[in-house]
Amino acid sequence: MGSLSDESFDQFLDFLKRAGVVISNEPELRERLAEVQRWRSAFATLASNGRPLGIRFEGRSDGVNEAEVCRAFDQFEFPQSLRTAFAASLKAGH
């Protein structure tokens, strides 16, 4: 399978949503990611510190496909540490 490292943040967010992740204030998140060249770094910052802006990531009521979330982070070449922290935050219900 080829790397998706050159793909867009839109595709990454769509992967997360198909895996069962609900994104609060998604328009704000997309706007902020569109403004920067290094969207992966911006995503990491907003995933950790976006709550004051209303940006939150939660699992759907019917659950999250954790394997698909991990696959999205791997395919878009995010560091393991961010993938682990993101998965833990979904489990904690933040």
C-alpha atoms as a PDB file:
ATOM      1  CA  MET A   1       0.000   0.000   0.000  1.00  0.00           C
ATOM      2  CA  GLY A   2       1.350   3.446  -0.906  1.00  0.00           C
ATOM      3  CA  SER A   3       1.925   6.226   1.562  1.00  0.00           C
ATOM      4  CA  LEU A   4      -0.715   8.876   1.934  1.00  0.00           C
ATOM      5  CA  SER A   5       1.747  11.388   3.353  1.00  0.00           C
ATOM      6  CA  ASP A   6       1.018  13.815   0.515  1.00  0.00           C
ATOM      7  CA  GLU A   7      -2.726  13.581   0.927  1.00  0.00           C
ATOM      8  CA  SER A   8      -4.886  16.324   2.378  1.00  0.00           C
ATOM      9  CA  PHE A   9      -6.193  16.937   5.854  1.00  0.00           C
ATOM     10  CA  ASP A  10      -9.705  16.581   4.388  1.00  0.00           C
ATOM     11  CA  GLN A  11      -8.970  12.959   3.577  1.00  0.00           C
ATOM     12  CA  PHE A  12      -7.475  12.348   7.017  1.00  0.00           C
ATOM     13  CA  LEU A  13     -10.508  13.832   8.791  1.00  0.00           C
ATOM     14  CA  ASP A  14     -12.813  11.782   6.568  1.00  0.00           C
ATOM     15  CA  PHE A  15     -10.886   8.625   7.574  1.00  0.00           C
ATOM     16  CA  LEU A  16     -11.394   9.503  11.259  1.00  0.00           C
ATOM     17  CA  LYS A  17     -15.099  10.149  10.798  1.00  0.00           C
ATOM     18  CA  ARG A  18     -15.613   6.855   8.946  1.00  0.00           C
ATOM     19  CA  ALA A  19     -13.886   5.154  11.882  1.00  0.00           C
ATOM     20  CA  GLY A  20     -16.509   6.586  14.254  1.00  0.00           C
ATOM     21  CA  VAL A  21     -14.852   9.771  15.478  1.00  0.00           C
ATOM     22  CA  VAL A  22     -17.174  12.729  15.994  1.00  0.00           C
ATOM     23  CA  ILE A  23     -15.527  16.123  15.514  1.00  0.00           C
ATOM     24  CA  SER A  24     -17.085  19.036  17.373  1.00  0.00           C
ATOM     25  CA  ASN A  25     -16.710  22.411  15.632  1.00  0.00           C
ATOM     26  CA  GLU A  26     -15.394  20.705  12.521  1.00  0.00           C
ATOM     27  CA  PRO A  27     -15.709  23.859  10.358  1.00  0.00           C
ATOM     28  CA  GLU A  28     -13.299  25.711  12.673  1.00  0.00           C
ATOM     29  CA  LEU A  29     -10.868  22.783  12.626  1.00  0.00           C
ATOM     30  CA  ARG A  30     -10.938  22.589   8.820  1.00  0.00           C
ATOM     31  CA  GLU A  31     -10.476  26.351   8.493  1.00  0.00           C
ATOM     32  CA  ARG A  32      -7.447  26.345  10.771  1.00  0.00           C
ATOM     33  CA  LEU A  33      -5.852  23.357   9.028  1.00  0.00           C
ATOM     34  CA  ALA A  34      -6.418  25.000   5.631  1.00  0.00           C
ATOM     35  CA  GLU A  35      -4.478  28.068   6.764  1.00  0.00           C
ATOM     36  CA  VAL A  36      -1.216  26.247   7.448  1.00  0.00           C
ATOM     37  CA  GLN A  37       1.278  24.405   5.317  1.00  0.00           C
ATOM     38  CA  ARG A  38       2.147  21.871   8.035  1.00  0.00           C
ATOM     39  CA  TRP A  39      -1.360  20.654   8.792  1.00  0.00           C
ATOM     40  CA  ARG A  40      -0.164  17.574  10.697  1.00  0.00           C
ATOM     41  CA  SER A  41       1.526  19.732  13.302  1.00  0.00           C
ATOM     42  CA  ALA A  42      -1.524  21.989  13.520  1.00  0.00           C
ATOM     43  CA  PHE A  43      -3.786  18.956  13.908  1.00  0.00           C
ATOM     44  CA  ALA A  44      -1.641  17.651  16.774  1.00  0.00           C
ATOM     45  CA  THR A  45      -1.886  21.011  18.540  1.00  0.00           C
ATOM     46  CA  LEU A  46      -5.635  21.322  18.009  1.00  0.00           C
ATOM     47  CA  ALA A  47      -6.290  17.719  19.032  1.00  0.00           C
ATOM     48  CA  SER A  48      -4.551  18.434  22.341  1.00  0.00           C
ATOM     49  CA  ASN A  49      -5.539  22.061  22.930  1.00  0.00           C
ATOM     50  CA  GLY A  50      -8.589  22.815  20.799  1.00  0.00           C
ATOM     51  CA  ARG A  51     -11.234  22.656  23.520  1.00  0.00           C
ATOM     52  CA  PRO A  52     -11.337  26.457  24.101  1.00  0.00           C
ATOM     53  CA  LEU A  53     -12.221  26.761  20.410  1.00  0.00           C
ATOM     54  CA  GLY A  54     -14.901  24.078  20.720  1.00  0.00           C
ATOM     55  CA  ILE A  55     -12.784  21.538  18.825  1.00  0.00           C
ATOM     56  CA  ARG A  56     -13.211  18.118  20.394  1.00  0.00           C
ATOM     57  CA  PHE A  57     -12.885  14.541  19.230  1.00  0.00           C
ATOM     58  CA  GLU A  58     -15.227  11.930  20.663  1.00  0.00           C
ATOM     59  CA  GLY A  59     -16.422   8.486  19.775  1.00  0.00           C
ATOM     60  CA  ARG A  60     -19.863   7.929  18.277  1.00  0.00           C
ATOM     61  CA  SER A  61     -22.384   6.382  20.609  1.00  0.00           C
ATOM     62  CA  ASP A  62     -22.085   3.103  18.697  1.00  0.00           C
ATOM     63  CA  GLY A  63     -18.314   3.087  19.187  1.00  0.00           C
ATOM     64  CA  VAL A  64     -15.072   3.788  17.395  1.00  0.00           C
ATOM     65  CA  ASN A  65     -13.182   1.394  15.175  1.00  0.00           C
ATOM     66  CA  GLU A  66      -9.822   1.726  16.916  1.00  0.00           C
ATOM     67  CA  ALA A  67      -8.001  -0.253  14.237  1.00  0.00           C
ATOM     68  CA  GLU A  68      -9.210   2.191  11.569  1.00  0.00           C
ATOM     69  CA  VAL A  69      -8.185   5.199  13.680  1.00  0.00           C
ATOM     70  CA  CYS A  70      -4.713   3.674  14.084  1.00  0.00           C
ATOM     71  CA  ARG A  71      -4.548   2.936  10.372  1.00  0.00           C
ATOM     72  CA  ALA A  72      -5.410   6.572   9.529  1.00  0.00           C
ATOM     73  CA  PHE A  73      -2.671   7.892  11.824  1.00  0.00           C
ATOM     74  CA  ASP A  74      -0.181   5.426  10.354  1.00  0.00           C
ATOM     75  CA  GLN A  75      -1.094   6.121   6.733  1.00  0.00           C
ATOM     76  CA  PHE A  76      -0.824   9.861   7.228  1.00  0.00           C
ATOM     77  CA  GLU A  77       2.513   9.398   8.990  1.00  0.00           C
ATOM     78  CA  PHE A  78       1.691  10.806  12.408  1.00  0.00           C
ATOM     79  CA  PRO A  79       4.034   9.900  15.259  1.00  0.00           C
ATOM     80  CA  GLN A  80       3.112   6.927  17.432  1.00  0.00           C
ATOM     81  CA  SER A  81       2.936   9.190  20.490  1.00  0.00           C
ATOM     82  CA  LEU A  82       0.139  11.295  18.959  1.00  0.00           C
ATOM     83  CA  ARG A  83      -1.767   8.213  17.831  1.00  0.00           C
ATOM     84  CA  THR A  84      -1.571   6.782  21.343  1.00  0.00           C
ATOM     85  CA  ALA A  85      -2.631  10.046  23.006  1.00  0.00           C
ATOM     86  CA  PHE A  86      -5.520  10.516  20.568  1.00  0.00           C
ATOM     87  CA  ALA A  87      -6.804   6.970  21.119  1.00  0.00           C
ATOM     88  CA  ALA A  88      -6.560   7.404  24.896  1.00  0.00           C
ATOM     89  CA  SER A  89      -8.506  10.673  24.754  1.00  0.00           C
ATOM     90  CA  LEU A  90     -11.305   8.965  22.812  1.00  0.00           C
ATOM     91  CA  LYS A  91     -11.494   6.215  25.426  1.00  0.00           C
ATOM     92  CA  ALA A  92     -11.549   8.771  28.245  1.00  0.00           C
ATOM     93  CA  GLY A  93     -14.496  10.531  26.626  1.00  0.00           C
ATOM     94  CA  HIS A  94     -12.860  13.952  26.459  1.00  0.00           C
END
